[in-house]
Amino acid sequence: MTGNASTAGARADAHYLRVKQDLLDGRFGPGTVLLETTLGQSYGVSRTPMREALARLAHDRLIERTDRGYVVRERSAEEIEAIYEARIPLEAAAAELAARRRSAIDVDRLAHLLAMRRDEKDTARHPDWNSEFHVAMRDAARSAVITSSLGHLDDLLVDYRPDRAASATTNRGYLEHVEILEAIRRGDAAAAGETMTSHLERMRDLRVAAHVRRTSARAH
């Protein structure tokens, strides 16, 4: 690859990642039409790199192409359940591996994140600490394949709404994370996997129920 091609590729990646992060942060809500020209002006780039970025995001199933242009997707209840169907066994496997492979540093990191979540007064920040806990647990599992797969599933499960942080998780989720950490700390792989499974099954049910309430409210 020549120097110019390498630079162009790096720029294309940067544009893609920038738009993707704005999607994950809730800048564009479900149903938002994303036009190449408008986005290009917003990000200060031409239509061509923006077209490539949108095509990659469509391939990621974060947006979809319609006759109006690219549109930010909203998951159906069935899609949410299907994503969790893939996520739950992978996350449980990561918890089990973390219990077997964790180091003292891994345990300290997980404990620190839970302490930060416990002491956080801004409930809008709770989901961020919870996500950090899952990331740290996957790191402790030391499985690049599982970590990569779960990272993609995380993107598919993000609630693309500017007010998503307002729906902070309950204290029960924090206590379940404490149980997972204790199982990892004592090296109990079975308990870590089982607790993670029940934790995510509950989160799946909560997310599906919230989705049904939102769609029902819009219908009326």
N, C-alpha and C. Protein backbone atom coordinates (compact mmCIF):
# COMPACT_ATOMS: atom_id res chain seq x y z
N MET A 1 0.84 -1.19 0.00
CA MET A 1 0.00 0.00 0.00
C MET A 1 0.88 1.24 0.00
N THR A 2 0.58 2.22 -0.91
CA THR A 2 1.37 3.43 -0.98
C THR A 2 1.06 4.34 0.19
N GLY A 3 1.90 5.36 0.37
CA GLY A 3 1.66 6.29 1.45
C GLY A 3 0.35 7.02 1.31
N ASN A 4 -0.01 7.44 0.07
CA ASN A 4 -1.26 8.15 -0.16
C ASN A 4 -2.46 7.26 0.13
N ALA A 5 -2.38 6.00 -0.30
CA ALA A 5 -3.48 5.07 -0.07
C ALA A 5 -3.64 4.81 1.42
N SER A 6 -2.54 4.68 2.10
CA SER A 6 -2.58 4.44 3.54
C SER A 6 -3.21 5.61 4.27
N THR A 7 -2.84 6.83 3.86
CA THR A 7 -3.41 8.03 4.48
C THR A 7 -4.90 8.12 4.22
N ALA A 8 -5.30 7.84 2.97
CA ALA A 8 -6.72 7.89 2.62
C ALA A 8 -7.51 6.87 3.43
N GLY A 9 -6.93 5.67 3.60
CA GLY A 9 -7.61 4.65 4.39
C GLY A 9 -7.77 5.06 5.83
N ALA A 10 -6.76 5.68 6.38
CA ALA A 10 -6.82 6.14 7.77
C ALA A 10 -7.88 7.21 7.94
N ARG A 11 -7.98 8.11 6.95
CA ARG A 11 -8.99 9.16 7.02
C ARG A 11 -10.39 8.58 6.93
N ALA A 12 -10.56 7.59 6.03
CA ALA A 12 -11.87 6.94 5.89
C ALA A 12 -12.27 6.27 7.20
N ASP A 13 -11.33 5.62 7.85
CA ASP A 13 -11.60 4.98 9.14
C ASP A 13 -12.00 6.02 10.18
N ALA A 14 -11.31 7.15 10.16
CA ALA A 14 -11.58 8.21 11.13
C ALA A 14 -12.99 8.76 10.96
N HIS A 15 -13.41 8.98 9.70
CA HIS A 15 -14.77 9.49 9.45
C HIS A 15 -15.81 8.48 9.91
N TYR A 16 -15.57 7.22 9.57
CA TYR A 16 -16.49 6.15 9.98
C TYR A 16 -16.62 6.09 11.50
N LEU A 17 -15.50 6.11 12.20
CA LEU A 17 -15.52 6.01 13.66
C LEU A 17 -16.16 7.22 14.30
N ARG A 18 -15.98 8.37 13.70
CA ARG A 18 -16.56 9.60 14.26
C ARG A 18 -18.08 9.56 14.19
N VAL A 19 -18.61 9.19 13.01
CA VAL A 19 -20.06 9.10 12.87
C VAL A 19 -20.61 7.98 13.74
N LYS A 20 -19.90 6.86 13.80
CA LYS A 20 -20.35 5.74 14.62
C LYS A 20 -20.44 6.15 16.08
N GLN A 21 -19.43 6.86 16.58
CA GLN A 21 -19.45 7.27 17.98
C GLN A 21 -20.61 8.22 18.25
N ASP A 22 -20.90 9.12 17.32
CA ASP A 22 -22.03 10.02 17.50
C ASP A 22 -23.34 9.25 17.52
N LEU A 23 -23.42 8.18 16.72
CA LEU A 23 -24.60 7.32 16.76
C LEU A 23 -24.75 6.68 18.14
N LEU A 24 -23.65 6.13 18.64
CA LEU A 24 -23.69 5.44 19.92
C LEU A 24 -23.96 6.41 21.07
N ASP A 25 -23.56 7.66 20.90
CA ASP A 25 -23.78 8.66 21.94
C ASP A 25 -25.18 9.26 21.90
N GLY A 26 -25.97 8.87 20.89
CA GLY A 26 -27.34 9.33 20.82
C GLY A 26 -27.55 10.63 20.08
N ARG A 27 -26.56 11.08 19.30
CA ARG A 27 -26.73 12.32 18.55
C ARG A 27 -27.83 12.18 17.51
N PHE A 28 -27.95 11.00 16.92
CA PHE A 28 -28.96 10.75 15.91
C PHE A 28 -29.94 9.71 16.44
N GLY A 29 -31.18 10.10 16.68
CA GLY A 29 -32.16 9.17 17.23
C GLY A 29 -32.73 8.24 16.18
N PRO A 30 -33.43 7.19 16.61
CA PRO A 30 -34.05 6.25 15.68
C PRO A 30 -34.96 6.98 14.69
N GLY A 31 -34.86 6.61 13.42
CA GLY A 31 -35.69 7.25 12.40
C GLY A 31 -35.03 8.46 11.76
N THR A 32 -33.92 8.92 12.30
CA THR A 32 -33.22 10.07 11.72
C THR A 32 -32.67 9.71 10.35
N VAL A 33 -32.94 10.56 9.37
CA VAL A 33 -32.41 10.36 8.02
C VAL A 33 -31.02 10.98 7.94
N LEU A 34 -30.06 10.19 7.50
CA LEU A 34 -28.68 10.64 7.40
C LEU A 34 -28.33 10.84 5.93
N LEU A 35 -28.20 12.09 5.50
CA LEU A 35 -27.89 12.42 4.12
C LEU A 35 -26.40 12.71 3.97
N GLU A 36 -25.82 12.19 2.89
CA GLU A 36 -24.39 12.36 2.67
C GLU A 36 -23.99 13.83 2.65
N THR A 37 -24.76 14.64 1.92
CA THR A 37 -24.41 16.05 1.77
C THR A 37 -24.48 16.79 3.10
N THR A 38 -25.58 16.60 3.81
CA THR A 38 -25.76 17.29 5.09
C THR A 38 -24.71 16.87 6.10
N LEU A 39 -24.47 15.56 6.20
CA LEU A 39 -23.47 15.07 7.14
C LEU A 39 -22.07 15.54 6.74
N GLY A 40 -21.81 15.53 5.44
CA GLY A 40 -20.51 15.98 4.98
C GLY A 40 -20.24 17.41 5.39
N GLN A 41 -21.25 18.26 5.28
CA GLN A 41 -21.10 19.65 5.69
C GLN A 41 -20.89 19.75 7.19
N SER A 42 -21.64 18.93 7.93
CA SER A 42 -21.55 18.95 9.39
C SER A 42 -20.17 18.53 9.88
N TYR A 43 -19.60 17.52 9.21
CA TYR A 43 -18.30 17.00 9.64
C TYR A 43 -17.13 17.62 8.87
N GLY A 44 -17.45 18.47 7.92
CA GLY A 44 -16.39 19.13 7.17
C GLY A 44 -15.66 18.23 6.21
N VAL A 45 -16.38 17.29 5.59
CA VAL A 45 -15.75 16.38 4.61
C VAL A 45 -16.63 16.32 3.36
N SER A 46 -16.08 15.79 2.28
CA SER A 46 -16.83 15.67 1.05
C SER A 46 -17.81 14.50 1.10
N ARG A 47 -18.63 14.38 0.06
CA ARG A 47 -19.65 13.34 0.05
C ARG A 47 -19.06 11.94 -0.03
N THR A 48 -17.95 11.80 -0.76
CA THR A 48 -17.39 10.46 -0.99
C THR A 48 -17.00 9.74 0.30
N PRO A 49 -16.18 10.34 1.18
CA PRO A 49 -15.85 9.63 2.43
C PRO A 49 -17.06 9.43 3.33
N MET A 50 -18.03 10.38 3.25
CA MET A 50 -19.23 10.22 4.07
C MET A 50 -20.07 9.07 3.54
N ARG A 51 -20.12 8.92 2.21
CA ARG A 51 -20.86 7.81 1.61
C ARG A 51 -20.25 6.48 2.05
N GLU A 52 -18.93 6.42 2.07
CA GLU A 52 -18.25 5.20 2.49
C GLU A 52 -18.51 4.90 3.97
N ALA A 53 -18.51 5.93 4.78
CA ALA A 53 -18.76 5.75 6.21
C ALA A 53 -20.18 5.21 6.45
N LEU A 54 -21.15 5.78 5.74
CA LEU A 54 -22.54 5.34 5.90
C LEU A 54 -22.72 3.90 5.41
N ALA A 55 -22.03 3.55 4.34
CA ALA A 55 -22.13 2.19 3.84
C ALA A 55 -21.59 1.20 4.87
N ARG A 56 -20.51 1.56 5.53
CA ARG A 56 -19.94 0.68 6.56
C ARG A 56 -20.87 0.57 7.77
N LEU A 57 -21.51 1.66 8.12
CA LEU A 57 -22.44 1.63 9.25
C LEU A 57 -23.68 0.79 8.92
N ALA A 58 -24.08 0.81 7.66
CA ALA A 58 -25.20 -0.04 7.23
C ALA A 58 -24.79 -1.50 7.29
N HIS A 59 -23.54 -1.78 6.91
CA HIS A 59 -23.04 -3.15 6.99
C HIS A 59 -23.00 -3.61 8.45
N ASP A 60 -22.75 -2.68 9.37
CA ASP A 60 -22.74 -2.99 10.80
C ASP A 60 -24.15 -3.14 11.36
N ARG A 61 -25.17 -2.86 10.55
CA ARG A 61 -26.58 -2.93 10.94
C ARG A 61 -26.94 -1.87 11.98
N LEU A 62 -26.22 -0.77 11.95
CA LEU A 62 -26.55 0.35 12.84
C LEU A 62 -27.51 1.32 12.15
N ILE A 63 -27.45 1.37 10.83
CA ILE A 63 -28.38 2.16 10.04
C ILE A 63 -28.84 1.29 8.87
N GLU A 64 -29.84 1.76 8.14
CA GLU A 64 -30.31 1.00 6.98
C GLU A 64 -30.61 1.95 5.83
N ARG A 65 -30.44 1.45 4.62
CA ARG A 65 -30.68 2.28 3.45
C ARG A 65 -32.13 2.17 3.02
N THR A 66 -32.77 3.32 2.80
CA THR A 66 -34.15 3.37 2.34
C THR A 66 -34.22 4.30 1.13
N ASP A 67 -35.42 4.47 0.58
CA ASP A 67 -35.55 5.38 -0.55
C ASP A 67 -35.39 6.83 -0.13
N ARG A 68 -35.39 7.09 1.17
CA ARG A 68 -35.16 8.46 1.67
C ARG A 68 -33.69 8.71 1.95
N GLY A 69 -32.89 7.65 1.94
CA GLY A 69 -31.49 7.75 2.30
C GLY A 69 -31.21 6.77 3.44
N TYR A 70 -30.11 6.94 4.10
CA TYR A 70 -29.81 6.09 5.24
C TYR A 70 -30.60 6.56 6.46
N VAL A 71 -31.13 5.60 7.21
CA VAL A 71 -31.95 5.92 8.37
C VAL A 71 -31.43 5.15 9.58
N VAL A 72 -31.39 5.84 10.73
CA VAL A 72 -30.96 5.18 11.96
C VAL A 72 -31.99 4.14 12.34
N ARG A 73 -31.53 2.91 12.56
CA ARG A 73 -32.43 1.80 12.85
C ARG A 73 -32.88 1.83 14.31
N GLU A 74 -34.07 1.31 14.51
CA GLU A 74 -34.52 1.03 15.87
C GLU A 74 -34.78 -0.47 15.95
N ARG A 75 -34.23 -1.10 16.97
CA ARG A 75 -34.40 -2.53 17.11
C ARG A 75 -35.85 -2.90 17.42
N SER A 76 -36.30 -4.00 16.86
CA SER A 76 -37.59 -4.54 17.25
C SER A 76 -37.37 -5.39 18.50
N ALA A 77 -38.45 -5.73 19.18
CA ALA A 77 -38.34 -6.57 20.37
C ALA A 77 -37.71 -7.91 20.01
N GLU A 78 -38.06 -8.42 18.83
CA GLU A 78 -37.51 -9.71 18.39
C GLU A 78 -36.01 -9.61 18.14
N GLU A 79 -35.57 -8.48 17.58
CA GLU A 79 -34.14 -8.29 17.35
C GLU A 79 -33.36 -8.21 18.66
N ILE A 80 -33.94 -7.49 19.62
CA ILE A 80 -33.28 -7.36 20.92
C ILE A 80 -33.11 -8.73 21.55
N GLU A 81 -34.16 -9.55 21.50
CA GLU A 81 -34.07 -10.90 22.06
C GLU A 81 -33.03 -11.74 21.32
N ALA A 82 -32.96 -11.58 20.00
CA ALA A 82 -32.00 -12.35 19.21
C ALA A 82 -30.56 -11.95 19.55
N ILE A 83 -30.34 -10.66 19.76
CA ILE A 83 -29.00 -10.19 20.11
C ILE A 83 -28.60 -10.73 21.48
N TYR A 84 -29.53 -10.71 22.42
CA TYR A 84 -29.22 -11.27 23.74
C TYR A 84 -29.02 -12.78 23.68
N GLU A 85 -29.71 -13.43 22.75
CA GLU A 85 -29.53 -14.86 22.58
C GLU A 85 -28.08 -15.18 22.24
N ALA A 86 -27.45 -14.29 21.50
CA ALA A 86 -26.03 -14.46 21.17
C ALA A 86 -25.14 -13.96 22.30
N ARG A 87 -25.54 -12.87 22.93
CA ARG A 87 -24.68 -12.25 23.93
C ARG A 87 -24.58 -13.05 25.22
N ILE A 88 -25.69 -13.57 25.70
CA ILE A 88 -25.69 -14.19 27.03
C ILE A 88 -24.67 -15.32 27.17
N PRO A 89 -24.65 -16.30 26.26
CA PRO A 89 -23.66 -17.37 26.43
C PRO A 89 -22.22 -16.88 26.28
N LEU A 90 -21.99 -15.88 25.42
CA LEU A 90 -20.64 -15.35 25.27
C LEU A 90 -20.19 -14.62 26.52
N GLU A 91 -21.08 -13.80 27.08
CA GLU A 91 -20.72 -13.05 28.29
C GLU A 91 -20.54 -13.99 29.48
N ALA A 92 -21.36 -15.04 29.54
CA ALA A 92 -21.21 -16.02 30.61
C ALA A 92 -19.88 -16.75 30.48
N ALA A 93 -19.51 -17.07 29.25
CA ALA A 93 -18.21 -17.72 29.01
C ALA A 93 -17.07 -16.80 29.42
N ALA A 94 -17.21 -15.51 29.14
CA ALA A 94 -16.18 -14.55 29.53
C ALA A 94 -16.06 -14.49 31.06
N ALA A 95 -17.19 -14.54 31.74
CA ALA A 95 -17.16 -14.51 33.21
C ALA A 95 -16.46 -15.75 33.76
N GLU A 96 -16.76 -16.89 33.16
CA GLU A 96 -16.12 -18.14 33.60
C GLU A 96 -14.61 -18.09 33.37
N LEU A 97 -14.20 -17.60 32.20
CA LEU A 97 -12.77 -17.51 31.90
C LEU A 97 -12.09 -16.50 32.81
N ALA A 98 -12.78 -15.41 33.12
CA ALA A 98 -12.21 -14.41 34.03
C ALA A 98 -11.95 -15.01 35.39
N ALA A 99 -12.86 -15.89 35.84
CA ALA A 99 -12.67 -16.54 37.15
C ALA A 99 -11.45 -17.45 37.13
N ARG A 100 -11.15 -18.01 35.97
CA ARG A 100 -10.01 -18.93 35.87
C ARG A 100 -8.69 -18.19 35.61
N ARG A 101 -8.77 -17.06 34.91
CA ARG A 101 -7.54 -16.42 34.42
C ARG A 101 -7.23 -15.08 35.09
N ARG A 102 -8.08 -14.61 35.95
CA ARG A 102 -7.90 -13.28 36.52
C ARG A 102 -6.61 -13.17 37.30
N SER A 103 -6.06 -11.97 37.29
CA SER A 103 -4.90 -11.66 38.11
C SER A 103 -5.36 -10.77 39.25
N ALA A 104 -4.49 -10.50 40.18
CA ALA A 104 -4.83 -9.61 41.28
C ALA A 104 -5.14 -8.22 40.75
N ILE A 105 -4.44 -7.81 39.70
CA ILE A 105 -4.69 -6.50 39.10
C ILE A 105 -6.08 -6.45 38.49
N ASP A 106 -6.51 -7.53 37.83
CA ASP A 106 -7.85 -7.59 37.26
C ASP A 106 -8.91 -7.43 38.35
N VAL A 107 -8.73 -8.15 39.44
CA VAL A 107 -9.70 -8.08 40.54
C VAL A 107 -9.75 -6.68 41.12
N ASP A 108 -8.60 -6.05 41.29
CA ASP A 108 -8.55 -4.69 41.83
C ASP A 108 -9.25 -3.71 40.89
N ARG A 109 -9.06 -3.91 39.60
CA ARG A 109 -9.70 -3.02 38.61
C ARG A 109 -11.23 -3.16 38.67
N LEU A 110 -11.71 -4.38 38.73
CA LEU A 110 -13.15 -4.61 38.82
C LEU A 110 -13.73 -4.03 40.10
N ALA A 111 -13.01 -4.22 41.21
CA ALA A 111 -13.47 -3.69 42.49
C ALA A 111 -13.50 -2.17 42.45
N HIS A 112 -12.50 -1.57 41.83
CA HIS A 112 -12.45 -0.10 41.72
C HIS A 112 -13.64 0.42 40.92
N LEU A 113 -13.96 -0.23 39.82
CA LEU A 113 -15.09 0.20 38.99
C LEU A 113 -16.41 0.09 39.74
N LEU A 114 -16.55 -0.97 40.52
CA LEU A 114 -17.78 -1.12 41.30
C LEU A 114 -17.86 -0.06 42.39
N ALA A 115 -16.73 0.29 42.96
CA ALA A 115 -16.72 1.35 43.99
C ALA A 115 -17.10 2.69 43.36
N MET A 116 -16.61 2.94 42.16
CA MET A 116 -16.96 4.19 41.47
C MET A 116 -18.45 4.22 41.16
N ARG A 117 -18.98 3.09 40.73
CA ARG A 117 -20.42 3.00 40.46
C ARG A 117 -21.22 3.20 41.74
N ARG A 118 -20.79 2.59 42.83
CA ARG A 118 -21.49 2.71 44.12
C ARG A 118 -21.54 4.16 44.61
N ASP A 119 -20.44 4.87 44.42
CA ASP A 119 -20.33 6.23 44.95
C ASP A 119 -20.79 7.30 43.98
N GLU A 120 -21.13 6.92 42.76
CA GLU A 120 -21.55 7.89 41.75
C GLU A 120 -22.91 8.50 42.11
N LYS A 121 -22.95 9.81 42.27
CA LYS A 121 -24.20 10.49 42.62
C LYS A 121 -25.06 10.78 41.40
N ASP A 122 -24.42 10.93 40.26
CA ASP A 122 -25.13 11.22 39.02
C ASP A 122 -25.63 9.90 38.41
N THR A 123 -26.91 9.63 38.56
CA THR A 123 -27.44 8.34 38.08
C THR A 123 -27.30 8.19 36.57
N ALA A 124 -27.19 9.31 35.85
CA ALA A 124 -27.00 9.23 34.40
C ALA A 124 -25.67 8.59 34.04
N ARG A 125 -24.73 8.55 34.99
CA ARG A 125 -23.42 7.96 34.75
C ARG A 125 -23.38 6.47 35.08
N HIS A 126 -24.41 5.95 35.73
CA HIS A 126 -24.40 4.55 36.14
C HIS A 126 -24.23 3.58 34.96
N PRO A 127 -24.95 3.79 33.85
CA PRO A 127 -24.75 2.86 32.73
C PRO A 127 -23.32 2.83 32.22
N ASP A 128 -22.64 3.98 32.29
CA ASP A 128 -21.24 4.01 31.82
C ASP A 128 -20.34 3.16 32.72
N TRP A 129 -20.53 3.26 34.04
CA TRP A 129 -19.72 2.45 34.96
C TRP A 129 -20.04 0.97 34.78
N ASN A 130 -21.33 0.67 34.54
CA ASN A 130 -21.70 -0.73 34.32
C ASN A 130 -21.03 -1.28 33.07
N SER A 131 -21.00 -0.48 32.01
CA SER A 131 -20.34 -0.92 30.78
C SER A 131 -18.85 -1.13 31.00
N GLU A 132 -18.23 -0.24 31.77
CA GLU A 132 -16.80 -0.38 32.07
C GLU A 132 -16.52 -1.68 32.83
N PHE A 133 -17.45 -2.06 33.69
CA PHE A 133 -17.28 -3.30 34.44
C PHE A 133 -17.24 -4.49 33.48
N HIS A 134 -18.16 -4.51 32.53
CA HIS A 134 -18.20 -5.62 31.57
C HIS A 134 -16.93 -5.64 30.72
N VAL A 135 -16.46 -4.48 30.34
CA VAL A 135 -15.22 -4.41 29.54
C VAL A 135 -14.05 -4.96 30.34
N ALA A 136 -13.95 -4.57 31.60
CA ALA A 136 -12.84 -5.03 32.45
C ALA A 136 -12.92 -6.54 32.68
N MET A 137 -14.13 -7.05 32.83
CA MET A 137 -14.29 -8.49 33.03
C MET A 137 -13.84 -9.26 31.80
N ARG A 138 -14.19 -8.73 30.62
CA ARG A 138 -13.77 -9.39 29.37
C ARG A 138 -12.25 -9.34 29.24
N ASP A 139 -11.66 -8.25 29.64
CA ASP A 139 -10.19 -8.16 29.61
C ASP A 139 -9.58 -9.25 30.50
N ALA A 140 -10.20 -9.47 31.65
CA ALA A 140 -9.69 -10.49 32.57
C ALA A 140 -9.84 -11.89 31.98
N ALA A 141 -10.80 -12.07 31.08
CA ALA A 141 -11.01 -13.39 30.46
C ALA A 141 -9.90 -13.73 29.47
N ARG A 142 -9.26 -12.71 28.94
CA ARG A 142 -8.15 -12.89 28.00
C ARG A 142 -8.52 -13.77 26.80
N SER A 143 -9.63 -13.41 26.19
CA SER A 143 -10.08 -14.10 24.97
C SER A 143 -10.41 -13.04 23.94
N ALA A 144 -9.51 -12.84 22.98
CA ALA A 144 -9.70 -11.80 21.97
C ALA A 144 -10.94 -12.05 21.13
N VAL A 145 -11.23 -13.31 20.85
CA VAL A 145 -12.39 -13.64 20.01
C VAL A 145 -13.69 -13.27 20.73
N ILE A 146 -13.81 -13.65 21.99
CA ILE A 146 -15.02 -13.32 22.75
C ILE A 146 -15.16 -11.81 22.92
N THR A 147 -14.07 -11.13 23.24
CA THR A 147 -14.11 -9.69 23.44
C THR A 147 -14.55 -8.97 22.18
N SER A 148 -14.01 -9.38 21.03
CA SER A 148 -14.38 -8.75 19.77
C SER A 148 -15.85 -8.99 19.44
N SER A 149 -16.32 -10.21 19.63
CA SER A 149 -17.71 -10.54 19.34
C SER A 149 -18.66 -9.77 20.23
N LEU A 150 -18.34 -9.67 21.50
CA LEU A 150 -19.20 -8.95 22.43
C LEU A 150 -19.19 -7.46 22.16
N GLY A 151 -18.06 -6.93 21.70
CA GLY A 151 -17.99 -5.52 21.37
C GLY A 151 -18.97 -5.17 20.27
N HIS A 152 -19.07 -6.02 19.26
CA HIS A 152 -20.03 -5.79 18.18
C HIS A 152 -21.46 -5.89 18.69
N LEU A 153 -21.73 -6.85 19.54
CA LEU A 153 -23.08 -7.00 20.09
C LEU A 153 -23.45 -5.80 20.97
N ASP A 154 -22.47 -5.26 21.68
CA ASP A 154 -22.72 -4.05 22.49
C ASP A 154 -23.23 -2.92 21.60
N ASP A 155 -22.58 -2.74 20.44
CA ASP A 155 -23.00 -1.67 19.54
C ASP A 155 -24.44 -1.87 19.08
N LEU A 156 -24.81 -3.11 18.81
CA LEU A 156 -26.17 -3.39 18.34
C LEU A 156 -27.21 -3.15 19.43
N LEU A 157 -26.79 -3.21 20.69
CA LEU A 157 -27.74 -3.06 21.79
C LEU A 157 -27.83 -1.64 22.34
N VAL A 158 -26.98 -0.75 21.84
CA VAL A 158 -27.02 0.62 22.34
C VAL A 158 -28.37 1.24 22.02
N ASP A 159 -28.90 1.96 23.00
CA ASP A 159 -30.18 2.64 22.82
C ASP A 159 -29.88 4.01 22.21
N TYR A 160 -30.17 4.19 20.93
CA TYR A 160 -29.78 5.42 20.24
C TYR A 160 -30.74 6.56 20.53
N ARG A 161 -30.79 7.01 21.74
CA ARG A 161 -31.61 8.16 22.11
C ARG A 161 -30.78 9.11 22.96
N PRO A 162 -30.92 10.42 22.70
CA PRO A 162 -30.16 11.38 23.50
C PRO A 162 -30.42 11.26 24.99
N ASP A 163 -31.60 10.77 25.36
CA ASP A 163 -31.94 10.68 26.78
C ASP A 163 -31.69 9.30 27.36
N ARG A 164 -30.92 8.47 26.65
CA ARG A 164 -30.73 7.09 27.09
C ARG A 164 -30.09 7.02 28.47
N ALA A 165 -29.21 7.99 28.81
CA ALA A 165 -28.53 7.95 30.09
C ALA A 165 -29.51 8.15 31.24
N ALA A 166 -30.68 8.75 30.94
CA ALA A 166 -31.64 9.00 32.01
C ALA A 166 -32.25 7.71 32.53
N SER A 167 -32.21 6.66 31.70
CA SER A 167 -32.77 5.38 32.14
C SER A 167 -31.69 4.57 32.85
N ALA A 168 -31.22 5.12 33.96
CA ALA A 168 -30.12 4.48 34.70
C ALA A 168 -30.57 3.12 35.24
N THR A 169 -29.62 2.22 35.33
CA THR A 169 -29.94 0.89 35.82
C THR A 169 -30.23 0.92 37.31
N THR A 170 -30.92 -0.07 37.79
CA THR A 170 -31.30 -0.12 39.18
C THR A 170 -30.14 -0.61 40.04
N ASN A 171 -30.32 -0.47 41.35
CA ASN A 171 -29.30 -0.93 42.28
C ASN A 171 -29.15 -2.45 42.21
N ARG A 172 -30.18 -3.12 41.77
CA ARG A 172 -30.09 -4.58 41.66
C ARG A 172 -28.99 -4.99 40.69
N GLY A 173 -28.87 -4.26 39.59
CA GLY A 173 -27.82 -4.56 38.63
C GLY A 173 -26.44 -4.42 39.25
N TYR A 174 -26.28 -3.39 40.07
CA TYR A 174 -25.00 -3.19 40.76
C TYR A 174 -24.70 -4.37 41.69
N LEU A 175 -25.71 -4.80 42.44
CA LEU A 175 -25.51 -5.92 43.37
C LEU A 175 -25.19 -7.21 42.62
N GLU A 176 -25.77 -7.39 41.45
CA GLU A 176 -25.44 -8.57 40.64
C GLU A 176 -23.99 -8.52 40.18
N HIS A 177 -23.52 -7.33 39.85
CA HIS A 177 -22.11 -7.18 39.48
C HIS A 177 -21.20 -7.51 40.66
N VAL A 178 -21.63 -7.13 41.86
CA VAL A 178 -20.85 -7.47 43.05
C VAL A 178 -20.75 -8.99 43.19
N GLU A 179 -21.85 -9.68 42.97
CA GLU A 179 -21.84 -11.15 43.04
C GLU A 179 -20.89 -11.75 42.01
N ILE A 180 -20.91 -11.19 40.80
CA ILE A 180 -20.03 -11.68 39.74
C ILE A 180 -18.58 -11.48 40.13
N LEU A 181 -18.28 -10.29 40.65
CA LEU A 181 -16.90 -10.02 41.07
C LEU A 181 -16.46 -10.99 42.15
N GLU A 182 -17.30 -11.26 43.13
CA GLU A 182 -16.91 -12.16 44.21
C GLU A 182 -16.66 -13.57 43.69
N ALA A 183 -17.45 -14.00 42.72
CA ALA A 183 -17.23 -15.32 42.12
C ALA A 183 -15.90 -15.35 41.37
N ILE A 184 -15.60 -14.27 40.66
CA ILE A 184 -14.32 -14.17 39.94
C ILE A 184 -13.17 -14.13 40.93
N ARG A 185 -13.33 -13.38 42.01
CA ARG A 185 -12.27 -13.24 43.00
C ARG A 185 -11.88 -14.59 43.60
N ARG A 186 -12.89 -15.41 43.90
CA ARG A 186 -12.58 -16.71 44.52
C ARG A 186 -12.34 -17.82 43.51
N GLY A 187 -12.37 -17.45 42.21
CA GLY A 187 -12.08 -18.43 41.17
C GLY A 187 -13.18 -19.43 40.92
N ASP A 188 -14.42 -19.07 41.22
CA ASP A 188 -15.56 -19.95 41.04
C ASP A 188 -16.17 -19.70 39.66
N ALA A 189 -15.69 -20.41 38.65
CA ALA A 189 -16.12 -20.19 37.28
C ALA A 189 -17.61 -20.47 37.08
N ALA A 190 -18.10 -21.55 37.68
CA ALA A 190 -19.51 -21.91 37.51
C ALA A 190 -20.42 -20.82 38.05
N ALA A 191 -20.11 -20.32 39.25
CA ALA A 191 -20.94 -19.27 39.86
C ALA A 191 -20.87 -17.98 39.05
N ALA A 192 -19.68 -17.65 38.54
CA ALA A 192 -19.53 -16.43 37.74
C ALA A 192 -20.39 -16.51 36.48
N GLY A 193 -20.35 -17.66 35.80
CA GLY A 193 -21.13 -17.83 34.58
C GLY A 193 -22.62 -17.84 34.85
N GLU A 194 -23.04 -18.52 35.90
CA GLU A 194 -24.46 -18.60 36.22
C GLU A 194 -25.03 -17.24 36.63
N THR A 195 -24.26 -16.50 37.43
CA THR A 195 -24.73 -15.19 37.86
C THR A 195 -24.80 -14.22 36.69
N MET A 196 -23.82 -14.30 35.81
CA MET A 196 -23.86 -13.45 34.62
C MET A 196 -25.05 -13.79 33.75
N THR A 197 -25.34 -15.06 33.60
CA THR A 197 -26.49 -15.47 32.79
C THR A 197 -27.79 -14.91 33.34
N SER A 198 -28.02 -15.06 34.63
CA SER A 198 -29.27 -14.57 35.22
C SER A 198 -29.33 -13.05 35.16
N HIS A 199 -28.17 -12.39 35.33
CA HIS A 199 -28.10 -10.93 35.25
C HIS A 199 -28.52 -10.45 33.86
N LEU A 200 -27.98 -11.05 32.82
CA LEU A 200 -28.30 -10.61 31.47
C LEU A 200 -29.70 -11.02 31.03
N GLU A 201 -30.20 -12.13 31.53
CA GLU A 201 -31.58 -12.51 31.22
C GLU A 201 -32.54 -11.47 31.79
N ARG A 202 -32.24 -10.98 32.97
CA ARG A 202 -33.08 -9.94 33.57
C ARG A 202 -32.96 -8.64 32.78
N MET A 203 -31.74 -8.27 32.38
CA MET A 203 -31.54 -7.06 31.60
C MET A 203 -32.24 -7.15 30.24
N ARG A 204 -32.22 -8.33 29.65
CA ARG A 204 -32.94 -8.54 28.38
C ARG A 204 -34.42 -8.27 28.55
N ASP A 205 -35.00 -8.82 29.61
CA ASP A 205 -36.43 -8.66 29.84
C ASP A 205 -36.78 -7.19 30.09
N LEU A 206 -35.92 -6.48 30.82
CA LEU A 206 -36.15 -5.06 31.09
C LEU A 206 -36.08 -4.24 29.80
N ARG A 207 -35.09 -4.56 28.96
CA ARG A 207 -34.93 -3.79 27.72
C ARG A 207 -36.10 -4.05 26.77
N VAL A 208 -36.52 -5.29 26.66
CA VAL A 208 -37.65 -5.60 25.78
C VAL A 208 -38.91 -4.92 26.29
N ALA A 209 -39.14 -4.95 27.59
CA ALA A 209 -40.32 -4.31 28.17
C ALA A 209 -40.31 -2.80 27.92
N ALA A 210 -39.14 -2.18 28.06
CA ALA A 210 -39.02 -0.75 27.83
C ALA A 210 -39.30 -0.42 26.36
N HIS A 211 -38.81 -1.28 25.48
CA HIS A 211 -39.04 -1.08 24.05
C HIS A 211 -40.54 -1.17 23.74
N VAL A 212 -41.21 -2.14 24.30
CA VAL A 212 -42.64 -2.31 24.06
C VAL A 212 -43.41 -1.09 24.57
N ARG A 213 -43.03 -0.57 25.73
CA ARG A 213 -43.70 0.62 26.27
C ARG A 213 -43.51 1.82 25.36
N ARG A 214 -42.30 2.00 24.84
CA ARG A 214 -42.03 3.15 23.97
C ARG A 214 -42.83 3.06 22.68
N THR A 215 -42.82 1.90 22.05
CA THR A 215 -43.53 1.76 20.78
C THR A 215 -45.04 1.88 20.98
N SER A 216 -45.51 1.38 22.12
CA SER A 216 -46.94 1.48 22.42
C SER A 216 -47.34 2.94 22.63
N ALA A 217 -46.50 3.69 23.33
CA ALA A 217 -46.78 5.10 23.60
C ALA A 217 -46.83 5.90 22.30
N ARG A 218 -45.91 5.60 21.36
CA ARG A 218 -45.89 6.31 20.09
C ARG A 218 -47.13 5.99 19.26
N ALA A 219 -47.61 4.75 19.39
CA ALA A 219 -48.78 4.33 18.62
C ALA A 219 -50.04 5.06 19.06
N HIS A 220 -50.02 5.53 20.31
CA HIS A 220 -51.20 6.22 20.83
C HIS A 220 -50.97 7.73 20.88
